[in-house]
Amino acid sequence: MQHKQSRAISFLTVAAFISIAAPNSFAQTPPAPPQAPAGGPAGIQVPPADTQTLPPTVPFTEAQLKKINDLIAQQGRDIAITPIITDILGITKDNQTLTCHAFAAVGEGNEVHQIYLLPNNRGYLAAHFYKDKLDVYSLDKTFALVAALEGIRGQVPAPTTFADAQYGYHFEEVWWAKYADTH
């Protein structure tokens, strides 16, 4: 069996896909158990206090963070993000357009993984596309999860539950750590 190495892809293609298919959900793992919504940070519905959630993932190493930031700086492109995504995540308001410097890579099965550096050192967005689904995670400067949304092609994206956001981001964080270690 041949292992196909991940490769950088055209941001214009990905940007076009985002503008057409902004609503997608891409955690390839089964969804976390349903949670009762409660008030919480923008873009995340916090589960009740007695609900167990996954433990936080191991943070990126300094070497992995440097590699990810270098990939964004050296191979990334400026991308305008669909305002509906940034509004849902609480990054912008009232359909404000946001342009970020971003890097994308293709994973197994033609999945697309993207990392966006938010302007003014405000953090990152991580996006994962597979099949007709999309998950977008808003992250702080240390890559800690702040908010998330999910969507399906042709539908409006929506905030995800806290448990689903943690669950999906865990796999995205592991993917980027492995990518940084091997590229």
Protein backbone atom coordinates (compact mmCIF):
# COMPACT_ATOMS: atom_id res chain seq x y z
CA MET A 1 0.00 0.00 0.00
CA GLN A 2 1.39 3.37 -0.96
CA HIS A 3 1.12 6.25 1.46
CA LYS A 4 0.18 9.43 -0.34
CA GLN A 5 2.04 12.38 1.17
CA SER A 6 -0.03 15.43 2.04
CA ARG A 7 0.53 18.36 -0.26
CA ALA A 8 -0.27 22.03 -0.30
CA ILE A 9 -3.28 22.95 -2.46
CA SER A 10 -4.50 26.03 -4.22
CA PHE A 11 -6.10 28.49 -1.84
CA LEU A 12 -8.26 29.84 -4.63
CA THR A 13 -9.87 26.42 -4.95
CA VAL A 14 -10.38 26.17 -1.22
CA ALA A 15 -11.61 29.77 -0.95
CA ALA A 16 -14.11 29.09 -3.73
CA PHE A 17 -15.23 25.95 -1.94
CA ILE A 18 -15.68 27.89 1.31
CA SER A 19 -17.75 30.58 -0.36
CA ILE A 20 -19.95 27.95 -2.05
CA ALA A 21 -20.06 25.41 0.74
CA ALA A 22 -19.54 27.52 3.83
CA PRO A 23 -21.78 25.20 5.79
CA ASN A 24 -20.00 21.90 6.37
CA SER A 25 -19.04 19.68 9.31
CA PHE A 26 -15.93 17.65 9.06
CA ALA A 27 -15.09 15.71 12.12
CA GLN A 28 -14.53 12.25 10.63
CA THR A 29 -15.20 10.67 13.93
CA PRO A 30 -18.67 9.92 15.17
CA PRO A 31 -20.28 12.90 16.87
CA ALA A 32 -20.02 13.23 20.61
CA PRO A 33 -23.11 12.29 22.60
CA PRO A 34 -25.84 14.94 22.36
CA GLN A 35 -25.68 17.65 24.98
CA ALA A 36 -28.38 19.93 26.29
CA PRO A 37 -27.57 23.47 25.11
CA ALA A 38 -26.86 26.13 27.68
CA GLY A 39 -25.42 29.63 27.48
CA GLY A 40 -21.70 29.93 26.81
CA PRO A 41 -19.01 31.60 24.69
CA ALA A 42 -19.93 32.77 21.21
CA GLY A 43 -20.31 29.85 18.83
CA ILE A 44 -20.36 27.14 21.51
CA GLN A 45 -23.25 25.78 23.50
CA VAL A 46 -21.88 24.79 26.92
CA PRO A 47 -23.16 21.48 28.36
CA PRO A 48 -24.63 21.29 31.86
CA ALA A 49 -22.05 21.17 34.67
CA ASP A 50 -22.66 17.47 35.39
CA THR A 51 -21.87 16.42 31.79
CA GLN A 52 -18.50 14.77 31.20
CA THR A 53 -16.48 15.97 28.22
CA LEU A 54 -13.21 14.83 26.67
CA PRO A 55 -10.08 16.00 28.45
CA PRO A 56 -8.23 18.84 26.72
CA THR A 57 -5.76 17.74 24.10
CA VAL A 58 -2.03 17.98 24.63
CA PRO A 59 -0.91 21.40 23.41
CA PHE A 60 1.40 21.72 20.45
CA THR A 61 5.11 21.64 21.22
CA GLU A 62 7.15 24.80 20.57
CA ALA A 63 8.65 23.09 17.50
CA GLN A 64 5.20 22.22 16.13
CA LEU A 65 3.91 25.77 16.73
CA LYS A 66 6.96 27.20 14.98
CA LYS A 67 6.48 24.84 12.03
CA ILE A 68 2.78 25.70 11.68
CA ASN A 69 3.50 29.44 11.87
CA ASP A 70 6.34 29.05 9.34
CA LEU A 71 4.04 27.16 6.95
CA ILE A 72 1.46 29.93 7.19
CA ALA A 73 4.09 32.67 6.71
CA GLN A 74 6.09 31.03 3.92
CA GLN A 75 3.51 29.05 1.94
CA GLY A 76 0.24 30.66 2.97
CA ARG A 77 -2.00 32.97 0.98
CA ASP A 78 -4.33 35.81 1.91
CA ILE A 79 -7.90 34.50 2.04
CA ALA A 80 -11.15 36.39 2.58
CA ILE A 81 -13.30 34.36 4.94
CA THR A 82 -17.04 34.18 4.38
CA PRO A 83 -18.62 36.68 6.83
CA ILE A 84 -21.25 34.20 7.98
CA ILE A 85 -18.48 32.01 9.41
CA THR A 86 -16.71 34.80 11.30
CA ASP A 87 -20.02 36.24 12.55
CA ILE A 88 -21.13 32.85 13.96
CA LEU A 89 -17.75 32.41 15.66
CA GLY A 90 -18.01 35.89 17.21
CA ILE A 91 -14.91 37.20 15.41
CA THR A 92 -16.80 39.81 13.36
CA LYS A 93 -20.26 41.37 13.38
CA ASP A 94 -22.78 42.46 10.76
CA ASN A 95 -21.31 40.66 7.71
CA GLN A 96 -17.88 42.25 8.11
CA THR A 97 -15.32 40.72 5.74
CA LEU A 98 -12.13 39.39 7.28
CA THR A 99 -8.96 38.52 5.40
CA CYS A 100 -6.42 36.15 6.97
CA HIS A 101 -3.15 34.60 5.90
CA ALA A 102 -3.77 30.85 5.63
CA PHE A 103 -2.11 27.56 4.75
CA ALA A 104 -3.93 24.48 3.46
CA ALA A 105 -2.89 20.86 3.06
CA VAL A 106 -4.59 17.81 1.63
CA GLY A 107 -4.94 14.83 3.93
CA GLU A 108 -5.92 11.25 3.23
CA GLY A 109 -9.05 10.76 1.16
CA ASN A 110 -8.82 14.28 -0.30
CA GLU A 111 -9.61 15.92 3.02
CA VAL A 112 -8.56 19.55 3.24
CA HIS A 113 -7.09 21.00 6.42
CA GLN A 114 -6.55 24.75 6.75
CA ILE A 115 -4.94 27.00 9.36
CA TYR A 116 -5.69 30.74 9.25
CA LEU A 117 -3.74 33.36 11.20
CA LEU A 118 -6.25 35.97 12.41
CA PRO A 119 -5.23 39.63 11.97
CA ASN A 120 -3.67 41.57 14.85
CA ASN A 121 -2.36 38.40 16.51
CA ARG A 122 -5.90 37.52 17.70
CA GLY A 123 -5.47 33.77 17.26
CA TYR A 124 -6.23 31.22 14.56
CA LEU A 125 -8.97 29.44 12.69
CA ALA A 126 -8.64 25.75 11.85
CA ALA A 127 -10.91 24.38 9.16
CA HIS A 128 -11.41 20.81 8.05
CA PHE A 129 -13.30 19.78 4.91
CA TYR A 130 -14.26 16.24 4.03
CA LYS A 131 -16.96 14.90 1.77
CA ASP A 132 -19.65 17.62 1.84
CA LYS A 133 -18.92 18.70 5.39
CA LEU A 134 -17.00 21.47 7.16
CA ASP A 135 -15.92 22.17 10.74
CA VAL A 136 -14.31 25.48 11.66
CA TYR A 137 -12.63 26.03 15.01
CA SER A 138 -11.80 29.46 16.43
CA LEU A 139 -8.62 29.26 18.51
CA ASP A 140 -6.76 31.68 20.73
CA LYS A 141 -3.04 32.48 20.34
CA THR A 142 -2.11 29.27 22.14
CA PHE A 143 -4.40 27.14 19.92
CA ALA A 144 -6.94 26.65 22.73
CA LEU A 145 -10.50 26.15 21.48
CA VAL A 146 -12.70 29.26 21.76
CA ALA A 147 -15.68 28.53 19.47
CA ALA A 148 -16.69 26.20 16.65
CA LEU A 149 -19.22 25.75 13.90
CA GLU A 150 -20.21 22.98 11.56
CA GLY A 151 -22.10 22.77 8.34
CA ILE A 152 -23.14 20.70 5.39
CA ARG A 153 -22.76 21.82 1.77
CA GLY A 154 -25.70 23.93 0.67
CA GLN A 155 -26.90 24.70 4.21
CA VAL A 156 -26.17 27.57 6.56
CA PRO A 157 -23.47 26.64 9.11
CA ALA A 158 -24.36 26.66 12.78
CA PRO A 159 -22.55 26.75 16.13
CA THR A 160 -21.76 23.31 17.48
CA THR A 161 -22.15 22.04 21.00
CA PHE A 162 -19.24 22.36 23.40
CA ALA A 163 -18.76 18.58 23.51
CA ASP A 164 -18.84 18.21 19.71
CA ALA A 165 -16.40 21.12 19.32
CA GLN A 166 -13.92 19.58 21.78
CA TYR A 167 -14.34 16.16 20.25
CA GLY A 168 -13.77 17.31 16.66
CA TYR A 169 -10.97 19.74 17.48
CA HIS A 170 -9.06 16.98 19.27
CA PHE A 171 -8.71 15.12 15.95
CA GLU A 172 -7.83 18.27 14.01
CA GLU A 173 -5.15 19.19 16.54
CA VAL A 174 -3.64 15.69 16.35
CA TRP A 175 -3.64 15.91 12.53
CA TRP A 176 -1.78 19.26 12.54
CA ALA A 177 0.73 18.04 15.13
CA LYS A 178 1.55 15.03 12.94
CA TYR A 179 1.72 17.23 9.82
CA ALA A 180 4.12 19.63 11.56
CA ASP A 181 6.30 16.73 12.69
CA THR A 182 6.54 15.22 9.20
CA HIS A 183 6.92 18.32 7.00
